[in-house]
Amino acid sequence: MRYPVLSRIALDFLPIRGSSVPCERAFSDAGLTDTKRRARLPPKNFGDIQTLKGSFKKDRRRQEIELAAQQAAQKKHWLDDAAQEAPKRQSE
């Protein structure tokens, strides 16, 4: 083998896919932003818009997760209260 070290390094890195789900989403979102009407946006503004969109989506996902956790905790509390009330009603 002519370059044994280089070939081992290549085997470590070449199997890695060039894209991933978050990367695909970023390109998809960029396609939605880059329309004919916005074709004259300077690259910096385009990048800023993409950054803001990503931040907004991340914050929105975090809020949705927090809301779901609060709703689950509230439901558990109601079920616990109902379970404690059931024996009291049966004994009356």
PDB file of N, CA and C in Angstrom:
ATOM      1  N   MET A   1       0.859  -1.176   0.000  1.00  0.00           N
ATOM      2  CA  MET A   1       0.000   0.000   0.000  1.00  0.00           C
ATOM      3  C   MET A   1       0.904   1.237   0.000  1.00  0.00           C
ATOM      4  N   ARG A   2       0.557   2.185  -0.806  1.00  0.00           N
ATOM      5  CA  ARG A   2       1.434   3.334  -0.992  1.00  0.00           C
ATOM      6  C   ARG A   2       1.325   4.346   0.158  1.00  0.00           C
ATOM      7  N   TYR A   3       0.096   4.633   0.622  1.00  0.00           N
ATOM      8  CA  TYR A   3      -0.117   5.593   1.706  1.00  0.00           C
ATOM      9  C   TYR A   3      -0.957   4.931   2.800  1.00  0.00           C
ATOM     10  N   PRO A   4      -0.380   4.128   3.667  1.00  0.00           N
ATOM     11  CA  PRO A   4      -1.178   3.378   4.646  1.00  0.00           C
ATOM     12  C   PRO A   4      -1.894   4.274   5.659  1.00  0.00           C
ATOM     13  N   VAL A   5      -1.232   5.298   6.136  1.00  0.00           N
ATOM     14  CA  VAL A   5      -1.861   6.175   7.133  1.00  0.00           C
ATOM     15  C   VAL A   5      -3.012   6.955   6.504  1.00  0.00           C
ATOM     16  N   LEU A   6      -2.773   7.501   5.343  1.00  0.00           N
ATOM     17  CA  LEU A   6      -3.807   8.261   4.651  1.00  0.00           C
ATOM     18  C   LEU A   6      -5.011   7.379   4.317  1.00  0.00           C
ATOM     19  N   SER A   7      -4.752   6.139   3.921  1.00  0.00           N
ATOM     20  CA  SER A   7      -5.879   5.252   3.591  1.00  0.00           C
ATOM     21  C   SER A   7      -6.697   4.920   4.837  1.00  0.00           C
ATOM     22  N   ARG A   8      -6.042   4.764   5.999  1.00  0.00           N
ATOM     23  CA  ARG A   8      -6.801   4.515   7.237  1.00  0.00           C
ATOM     24  C   ARG A   8      -7.626   5.737   7.632  1.00  0.00           C
ATOM     25  N   ILE A   9      -7.071   6.905   7.470  1.00  0.00           N
ATOM     26  CA  ILE A   9      -7.812   8.134   7.767  1.00  0.00           C
ATOM     27  C   ILE A   9      -9.002   8.257   6.828  1.00  0.00           C
ATOM     28  N   ALA A  10      -8.785   7.972   5.556  1.00  0.00           N
ATOM     29  CA  ALA A  10      -9.877   8.055   4.577  1.00  0.00           C
ATOM     30  C   ALA A  10     -10.997   7.085   4.929  1.00  0.00           C
ATOM     31  N   LEU A  11     -10.645   5.883   5.370  1.00  0.00           N
ATOM     32  CA  LEU A  11     -11.672   4.910   5.751  1.00  0.00           C
ATOM     33  C   LEU A  11     -12.486   5.386   6.949  1.00  0.00           C
ATOM     34  N   ASP A  12     -11.860   6.185   7.817  1.00  0.00           N
ATOM     35  CA  ASP A  12     -12.593   6.723   8.969  1.00  0.00           C
ATOM     36  C   ASP A  12     -13.583   7.804   8.564  1.00  0.00           C
ATOM     37  N   PHE A  13     -13.232   8.611   7.575  1.00  0.00           N
ATOM     38  CA  PHE A  13     -14.058   9.766   7.255  1.00  0.00           C
ATOM     39  C   PHE A  13     -14.944   9.621   6.023  1.00  0.00           C
ATOM     40  N   LEU A  14     -14.550   8.845   5.055  1.00  0.00           N
ATOM     41  CA  LEU A  14     -15.341   8.732   3.833  1.00  0.00           C
ATOM     42  C   LEU A  14     -16.717   8.105   4.039  1.00  0.00           C
ATOM     43  N   PRO A  15     -16.896   7.148   4.962  1.00  0.00           N
ATOM     44  CA  PRO A  15     -18.238   6.585   5.144  1.00  0.00           C
ATOM     45  C   PRO A  15     -19.247   7.557   5.752  1.00  0.00           C
ATOM     46  N   ILE A  16     -18.775   8.679   6.270  1.00  0.00           N
ATOM     47  CA  ILE A  16     -19.677   9.643   6.895  1.00  0.00           C
ATOM     48  C   ILE A  16     -20.518  10.303   5.815  1.00  0.00           C
ATOM     49  N   ARG A  17     -21.832  10.307   6.035  1.00  0.00           N
ATOM     50  CA  ARG A  17     -22.722  10.951   5.066  1.00  0.00           C
ATOM     51  C   ARG A  17     -22.469  12.446   5.027  1.00  0.00           C
ATOM     52  N   GLY A  18     -22.641  13.004   3.868  1.00  0.00           N
ATOM     53  CA  GLY A  18     -22.394  14.429   3.676  1.00  0.00           C
ATOM     54  C   GLY A  18     -23.470  15.320   4.240  1.00  0.00           C
ATOM     55  N   SER A  19     -24.623  14.754   4.554  1.00  0.00           N
ATOM     56  CA  SER A  19     -25.707  15.574   5.086  1.00  0.00           C
ATOM     57  C   SER A  19     -26.444  14.796   6.163  1.00  0.00           C
ATOM     58  N   SER A  20     -27.172  15.527   6.953  1.00  0.00           N
ATOM     59  CA  SER A  20     -27.963  14.924   8.016  1.00  0.00           C
ATOM     60  C   SER A  20     -29.320  15.606   8.025  1.00  0.00           C
ATOM     61  N   VAL A  21     -30.205  15.140   8.871  1.00  0.00           N
ATOM     62  CA  VAL A  21     -31.559  15.698   8.909  1.00  0.00           C
ATOM     63  C   VAL A  21     -31.546  17.196   9.209  1.00  0.00           C
ATOM     64  N   PRO A  22     -30.822  17.677  10.247  1.00  0.00           N
ATOM     65  CA  PRO A  22     -30.814  19.129  10.477  1.00  0.00           C
ATOM     66  C   PRO A  22     -30.269  19.912   9.285  1.00  0.00           C
ATOM     67  N   CYS A  23     -29.259  19.362   8.637  1.00  0.00           N
ATOM     68  CA  CYS A  23     -28.693  20.036   7.465  1.00  0.00           C
ATOM     69  C   CYS A  23     -29.720  20.096   6.339  1.00  0.00           C
ATOM     70  N   GLU A  24     -30.424  18.989   6.120  1.00  0.00           N
ATOM     71  CA  GLU A  24     -31.459  18.966   5.078  1.00  0.00           C
ATOM     72  C   GLU A  24     -32.545  19.990   5.379  1.00  0.00           C
ATOM     73  N   ARG A  25     -32.928  20.097   6.655  1.00  0.00           N
ATOM     74  CA  ARG A  25     -33.943  21.081   7.046  1.00  0.00           C
ATOM     75  C   ARG A  25     -33.462  22.495   6.775  1.00  0.00           C
ATOM     76  N   ALA A  26     -32.190  22.750   7.066  1.00  0.00           N
ATOM     77  CA  ALA A  26     -31.641  24.091   6.843  1.00  0.00           C
ATOM     78  C   ALA A  26     -31.706  24.457   5.366  1.00  0.00           C
ATOM     79  N   PHE A  27     -31.343  23.523   4.498  1.00  0.00           N
ATOM     80  CA  PHE A  27     -31.405  23.805   3.066  1.00  0.00           C
ATOM     81  C   PHE A  27     -32.844  23.977   2.604  1.00  0.00           C
ATOM     82  N   SER A  28     -33.751  23.195   3.174  1.00  0.00           N
ATOM     83  CA  SER A  28     -35.158  23.315   2.811  1.00  0.00           C
ATOM     84  C   SER A  28     -35.700  24.681   3.225  1.00  0.00           C
ATOM     85  N   ASP A  29     -35.368  25.104   4.460  1.00  0.00           N
ATOM     86  CA  ASP A  29     -35.799  26.420   4.930  1.00  0.00           C
ATOM     87  C   ASP A  29     -35.197  27.529   4.079  1.00  0.00           C
ATOM     88  N   ALA A  30     -33.956  27.364   3.693  1.00  0.00           N
ATOM     89  CA  ALA A  30     -33.311  28.376   2.852  1.00  0.00           C
ATOM     90  C   ALA A  30     -34.032  28.481   1.515  1.00  0.00           C
ATOM     91  N   GLY A  31     -34.483  27.353   0.992  1.00  0.00           N
ATOM     92  CA  GLY A  31     -35.233  27.368  -0.265  1.00  0.00           C
ATOM     93  C   GLY A  31     -36.542  28.113  -0.133  1.00  0.00           C
ATOM     94  N   LEU A  32     -37.158  28.026   1.054  1.00  0.00           N
ATOM     95  CA  LEU A  32     -38.403  28.755   1.276  1.00  0.00           C
ATOM     96  C   LEU A  32     -38.157  30.255   1.383  1.00  0.00           C
ATOM     97  N   THR A  33     -37.007  30.634   1.913  1.00  0.00           N
ATOM     98  CA  THR A  33     -36.675  32.054   2.048  1.00  0.00           C
ATOM     99  C   THR A  33     -36.217  32.645   0.719  1.00  0.00           C
ATOM    100  N   ASP A  34     -35.491  31.865  -0.050  1.00  0.00           N
ATOM    101  CA  ASP A  34     -34.907  32.355  -1.298  1.00  0.00           C
ATOM    102  C   ASP A  34     -35.918  32.231  -2.440  1.00  0.00           C
ATOM    103  N   THR A  35     -36.780  33.223  -2.555  1.00  0.00           N
ATOM    104  CA  THR A  35     -37.769  33.233  -3.631  1.00  0.00           C
ATOM    105  C   THR A  35     -37.395  34.303  -4.644  1.00  0.00           C
ATOM    106  N   LYS A  36     -38.108  34.357  -5.735  1.00  0.00           N
ATOM    107  CA  LYS A  36     -37.808  35.363  -6.765  1.00  0.00           C
ATOM    108  C   LYS A  36     -37.975  36.775  -6.225  1.00  0.00           C
ATOM    109  N   ARG A  37     -38.949  36.949  -5.327  1.00  0.00           N
ATOM    110  CA  ARG A  37     -39.170  38.293  -4.780  1.00  0.00           C
ATOM    111  C   ARG A  37     -38.023  38.732  -3.882  1.00  0.00           C
ATOM    112  N   ARG A  38     -37.339  37.761  -3.270  1.00  0.00           N
ATOM    113  CA  ARG A  38     -36.261  38.096  -2.339  1.00  0.00           C
ATOM    114  C   ARG A  38     -34.889  37.869  -2.958  1.00  0.00           C
ATOM    115  N   ALA A  39     -34.818  37.743  -4.243  1.00  0.00           N
ATOM    116  CA  ALA A  39     -33.564  37.413  -4.921  1.00  0.00           C
ATOM    117  C   ALA A  39     -32.507  38.497  -4.750  1.00  0.00           C
ATOM    118  N   ARG A  40     -32.923  39.702  -4.422  1.00  0.00           N
ATOM    119  CA  ARG A  40     -31.953  40.791  -4.294  1.00  0.00           C
ATOM    120  C   ARG A  40     -31.454  40.974  -2.870  1.00  0.00           C
ATOM    121  N   LEU A  41     -31.776  40.052  -1.980  1.00  0.00           N
ATOM    122  CA  LEU A  41     -31.266  40.150  -0.611  1.00  0.00           C
ATOM    123  C   LEU A  41     -29.750  39.974  -0.606  1.00  0.00           C
ATOM    124  N   PRO A  42     -29.044  40.841   0.088  1.00  0.00           N
ATOM    125  CA  PRO A  42     -27.600  40.614   0.230  1.00  0.00           C
ATOM    126  C   PRO A  42     -27.362  39.324   1.026  1.00  0.00           C
ATOM    127  N   PRO A  43     -26.266  38.639   0.775  1.00  0.00           N
ATOM    128  CA  PRO A  43     -25.996  37.381   1.474  1.00  0.00           C
ATOM    129  C   PRO A  43     -26.021  37.511   2.999  1.00  0.00           C
ATOM    130  N   LYS A  44     -25.540  38.637   3.528  1.00  0.00           N
ATOM    131  CA  LYS A  44     -25.544  38.817   4.983  1.00  0.00           C
ATOM    132  C   LYS A  44     -26.972  38.840   5.509  1.00  0.00           C
ATOM    133  N   ASN A  45     -27.853  39.578   4.851  1.00  0.00           N
ATOM    134  CA  ASN A  45     -29.251  39.631   5.289  1.00  0.00           C
ATOM    135  C   ASN A  45     -29.911  38.262   5.179  1.00  0.00           C
ATOM    136  N   PHE A  46     -29.598  37.548   4.101  1.00  0.00           N
ATOM    137  CA  PHE A  46     -30.151  36.209   3.922  1.00  0.00           C
ATOM    138  C   PHE A  46     -29.712  35.305   5.072  1.00  0.00           C
ATOM    139  N   GLY A  47     -28.431  35.372   5.417  1.00  0.00           N
ATOM    140  CA  GLY A  47     -27.909  34.578   6.535  1.00  0.00           C
ATOM    141  C   GLY A  47     -28.549  34.973   7.851  1.00  0.00           C
ATOM    142  N   ASP A  48     -28.748  36.280   8.045  1.00  0.00           N
ATOM    143  CA  ASP A  48     -29.393  36.752   9.274  1.00  0.00           C
ATOM    144  C   ASP A  48     -30.825  36.233   9.379  1.00  0.00           C
ATOM    145  N   ILE A  49     -31.543  36.237   8.265  1.00  0.00           N
ATOM    146  CA  ILE A  49     -32.920  35.733   8.263  1.00  0.00           C
ATOM    147  C   ILE A  49     -32.931  34.254   8.624  1.00  0.00           C
ATOM    148  N   GLN A  50     -32.011  33.487   8.040  1.00  0.00           N
ATOM    149  CA  GLN A  50     -31.948  32.055   8.332  1.00  0.00           C
ATOM    150  C   GLN A  50     -31.629  31.819   9.808  1.00  0.00           C
ATOM    151  N   THR A  51     -30.725  32.627  10.370  1.00  0.00           N
ATOM    152  CA  THR A  51     -30.373  32.496  11.786  1.00  0.00           C
ATOM    153  C   THR A  51     -31.573  32.795  12.665  1.00  0.00           C
ATOM    154  N   LEU A  52     -32.298  33.861  12.348  1.00  0.00           N
ATOM    155  CA  LEU A  52     -33.487  34.208  13.128  1.00  0.00           C
ATOM    156  C   LEU A  52     -34.555  33.122  13.037  1.00  0.00           C
ATOM    157  N   LYS A  53     -34.763  32.595  11.840  1.00  0.00           N
ATOM    158  CA  LYS A  53     -35.749  31.525  11.675  1.00  0.00           C
ATOM    159  C   LYS A  53     -35.364  30.305  12.507  1.00  0.00           C
ATOM    160  N   GLY A  54     -34.088  29.949  12.486  1.00  0.00           N
ATOM    161  CA  GLY A  54     -33.624  28.804  13.265  1.00  0.00           C
ATOM    162  C   GLY A  54     -33.807  29.025  14.751  1.00  0.00           C
ATOM    163  N   SER A  55     -33.486  30.221  15.213  1.00  0.00           N
ATOM    164  CA  SER A  55     -33.651  30.552  16.627  1.00  0.00           C
ATOM    165  C   SER A  55     -35.121  30.526  17.026  1.00  0.00           C
ATOM    166  N   PHE A  56     -35.969  31.078  16.177  1.00  0.00           N
ATOM    167  CA  PHE A  56     -37.404  31.096  16.452  1.00  0.00           C
ATOM    168  C   PHE A  56     -37.951  29.677  16.550  1.00  0.00           C
ATOM    169  N   LYS A  57     -37.570  28.829  15.598  1.00  0.00           N
ATOM    170  CA  LYS A  57     -38.065  27.450  15.607  1.00  0.00           C
ATOM    171  C   LYS A  57     -37.569  26.688  16.830  1.00  0.00           C
ATOM    172  N   LYS A  58     -36.312  26.905  17.199  1.00  0.00           N
ATOM    173  CA  LYS A  58     -35.751  26.228  18.373  1.00  0.00           C
ATOM    174  C   LYS A  58     -36.495  26.656  19.634  1.00  0.00           C
ATOM    175  N   ASP A  59     -36.749  27.958  19.772  1.00  0.00           N
ATOM    176  CA  ASP A  59     -37.467  28.469  20.932  1.00  0.00           C
ATOM    177  C   ASP A  59     -38.902  27.953  20.954  1.00  0.00           C
ATOM    178  N   ARG A  60     -39.518  27.890  19.797  1.00  0.00           N
ATOM    179  CA  ARG A  60     -40.897  27.401  19.717  1.00  0.00           C
ATOM    180  C   ARG A  60     -40.977  25.927  20.119  1.00  0.00           C
ATOM    181  N   ARG A  61     -40.025  25.111  19.647  1.00  0.00           N
ATOM    182  CA  ARG A  61     -39.990  23.696  20.038  1.00  0.00           C
ATOM    183  C   ARG A  61     -39.805  23.559  21.536  1.00  0.00           C
ATOM    184  N   ARG A  62     -38.929  24.392  22.129  1.00  0.00           N
ATOM    185  CA  ARG A  62     -38.695  24.339  23.574  1.00  0.00           C
ATOM    186  C   ARG A  62     -39.975  24.677  24.328  1.00  0.00           C
ATOM    187  N   GLN A  63     -40.697  25.704  23.875  1.00  0.00           N
ATOM    188  CA  GLN A  63     -41.950  26.084  24.522  1.00  0.00           C
ATOM    189  C   GLN A  63     -42.994  24.985  24.406  1.00  0.00           C
ATOM    190  N   GLU A  64     -43.062  24.322  23.253  1.00  0.00           N
ATOM    191  CA  GLU A  64     -44.023  23.234  23.071  1.00  0.00           C
ATOM    192  C   GLU A  64     -43.712  22.071  24.004  1.00  0.00           C
ATOM    193  N   ILE A  65     -42.430  21.762  24.186  1.00  0.00           N
ATOM    194  CA  ILE A  65     -42.030  20.683  25.088  1.00  0.00           C
ATOM    195  C   ILE A  65     -42.383  21.043  26.525  1.00  0.00           C
ATOM    196  N   GLU A  66     -42.108  22.285  26.921  1.00  0.00           N
ATOM    197  CA  GLU A  66     -42.443  22.725  28.278  1.00  0.00           C
ATOM    198  C   GLU A  66     -43.946  22.675  28.516  1.00  0.00           C
ATOM    199  N   LEU A  67     -44.736  23.113  27.543  1.00  0.00           N
ATOM    200  CA  LEU A  67     -46.188  23.088  27.674  1.00  0.00           C
ATOM    201  C   LEU A  67     -46.693  21.656  27.798  1.00  0.00           C
ATOM    202  N   ALA A  68     -46.158  20.749  26.997  1.00  0.00           N
ATOM    203  CA  ALA A  68     -46.570  19.341  27.072  1.00  0.00           C
ATOM    204  C   ALA A  68     -46.225  18.756  28.434  1.00  0.00           C
ATOM    205  N   ALA A  69     -45.072  19.115  28.984  1.00  0.00           N
ATOM    206  CA  ALA A  69     -44.680  18.625  30.309  1.00  0.00           C
ATOM    207  C   ALA A  69     -45.614  19.176  31.383  1.00  0.00           C
ATOM    208  N   GLN A  70     -45.976  20.453  31.281  1.00  0.00           N
ATOM    209  CA  GLN A  70     -46.906  21.044  32.247  1.00  0.00           C
ATOM    210  C   GLN A  70     -48.269  20.376  32.163  1.00  0.00           C
ATOM    211  N   GLN A  71     -48.745  20.129  30.957  1.00  0.00           N
ATOM    212  CA  GLN A  71     -50.047  19.483  30.785  1.00  0.00           C
ATOM    213  C   GLN A  71     -50.028  18.061  31.327  1.00  0.00           C
ATOM    214  N   ALA A  72     -48.931  17.341  31.118  1.00  0.00           N
ATOM    215  CA  ALA A  72     -48.816  15.976  31.638  1.00  0.00           C
ATOM    216  C   ALA A  72     -48.802  15.985  33.161  1.00  0.00           C
ATOM    217  N   ALA A  73     -48.091  16.944  33.754  1.00  0.00           N
ATOM    218  CA  ALA A  73     -48.047  17.040  35.214  1.00  0.00           C
ATOM    219  C   ALA A  73     -49.423  17.387  35.770  1.00  0.00           C
ATOM    220  N   GLN A  74     -50.138  18.286  35.110  1.00  0.00           N
ATOM    221  CA  GLN A  74     -51.476  18.665  35.554  1.00  0.00           C
ATOM    222  C   GLN A  74     -52.432  17.475  35.452  1.00  0.00           C
ATOM    223  N   LYS A  75     -52.348  16.725  34.371  1.00  0.00           N
ATOM    224  CA  LYS A  75     -53.206  15.548  34.199  1.00  0.00           C
ATOM    225  C   LYS A  75     -52.914  14.516  35.281  1.00  0.00           C
ATOM    226  N   LYS A  76     -51.622  14.297  35.577  1.00  0.00           N
ATOM    227  CA  LYS A  76     -51.247  13.353  36.632  1.00  0.00           C
ATOM    228  C   LYS A  76     -51.802  13.811  37.972  1.00  0.00           C
ATOM    229  N   HIS A  77     -51.728  15.100  38.239  1.00  0.00           N
ATOM    230  CA  HIS A  77     -52.256  15.648  39.493  1.00  0.00           C
ATOM    231  C   HIS A  77     -53.763  15.407  39.588  1.00  0.00           C
ATOM    232  N   TRP A  78     -54.483  15.656  38.499  1.00  0.00           N
ATOM    233  CA  TRP A  78     -55.931  15.427  38.493  1.00  0.00           C
ATOM    234  C   TRP A  78     -56.259  13.951  38.710  1.00  0.00           C
ATOM    235  N   LEU A  79     -55.505  13.072  38.054  1.00  0.00           N
ATOM    236  CA  LEU A  79     -55.747  11.638  38.217  1.00  0.00           C
ATOM    237  C   LEU A  79     -55.441  11.183  39.639  1.00  0.00           C
ATOM    238  N   ASP A  80     -54.380  11.724  40.225  1.00  0.00           N
ATOM    239  CA  ASP A  80     -54.055  11.388  41.618  1.00  0.00           C
ATOM    240  C   ASP A  80     -55.159  11.860  42.556  1.00  0.00           C
ATOM    241  N   ASP A  81     -55.654  13.078  42.329  1.00  0.00           N
ATOM    242  CA  ASP A  81     -56.749  13.599  43.154  1.00  0.00           C
ATOM    243  C   ASP A  81     -57.998  12.743  43.002  1.00  0.00           C
ATOM    244  N   ALA A  82     -58.305  12.337  41.775  1.00  0.00           N
ATOM    245  CA  ALA A  82     -59.485  11.505  41.533  1.00  0.00           C
ATOM    246  C   ALA A  82     -59.326  10.148  42.202  1.00  0.00           C
ATOM    247  N   ALA A  83     -58.124   9.597  42.184  1.00  0.00           N
ATOM    248  CA  ALA A  83     -57.878   8.300  42.823  1.00  0.00           C
ATOM    249  C   ALA A  83     -58.026   8.401  44.334  1.00  0.00           C
ATOM    250  N   GLN A  84     -57.660   9.526  44.914  1.00  0.00           N
ATOM    251  CA  GLN A  84     -57.806   9.715  46.361  1.00  0.00           C
ATOM    252  C   GLN A  84     -59.259   9.965  46.741  1.00  0.00           C
ATOM    253  N   GLU A  85     -60.013  10.603  45.874  1.00  0.00           N
ATOM    254  CA  GLU A  85     -61.420  10.902  46.151  1.00  0.00           C
ATOM    255  C   GLU A  85     -62.311   9.671  45.994  1.00  0.00           C
ATOM    256  N   ALA A  86     -61.965   8.750  45.134  1.00  0.00           N
ATOM    257  CA  ALA A  86     -62.811   7.578  44.866  1.00  0.00           C
ATOM    258  C   ALA A  86     -63.078   6.751  46.119  1.00  0.00           C
ATOM    259  N   PRO A  87     -62.091   6.397  46.939  1.00  0.00           N
ATOM    260  CA  PRO A  87     -62.387   5.618  48.156  1.00  0.00           C
ATOM    261  C   PRO A  87     -63.262   6.386  49.148  1.00  0.00           C
ATOM    262  N   LYS A  88     -63.094   7.704  49.203  1.00  0.00           N
ATOM    263  CA  LYS A  88     -63.907   8.511  50.117  1.00  0.00           C
ATOM    264  C   LYS A  88     -65.371   8.459  49.708  1.00  0.00           C
ATOM    265  N   ARG A  89     -65.630   8.536  48.412  1.00  0.00           N
ATOM    266  CA  ARG A  89     -67.009   8.503  47.920  1.00  0.00           C
ATOM    267  C   ARG A  89     -67.636   7.134  48.146  1.00  0.00           C
ATOM    268  N   GLN A  90     -66.867   6.071  48.002  1.00  0.00           N
ATOM    269  CA  GLN A  90     -67.400   4.724  48.179  1.00  0.00           C
ATOM    270  C   GLN A  90     -67.750   4.457  49.637  1.00  0.00           C
ATOM    271  N   SER A  91     -66.999   5.062  50.561  1.00  0.00           N
ATOM    272  CA  SER A  91     -67.267   4.823  51.986  1.00  0.00           C
ATOM    273  C   SER A  91     -68.451   5.634  52.493  1.00  0.00           C
ATOM    274  N   GLU A  92     -68.898   6.607  51.752  1.00  0.00           N
ATOM    275  CA  GLU A  92     -70.023   7.443  52.196  1.00  0.00           C
ATOM    276  C   GLU A  92     -71.335   6.771  52.015  1.00  0.00           C
TER     277      GLU A  92
END
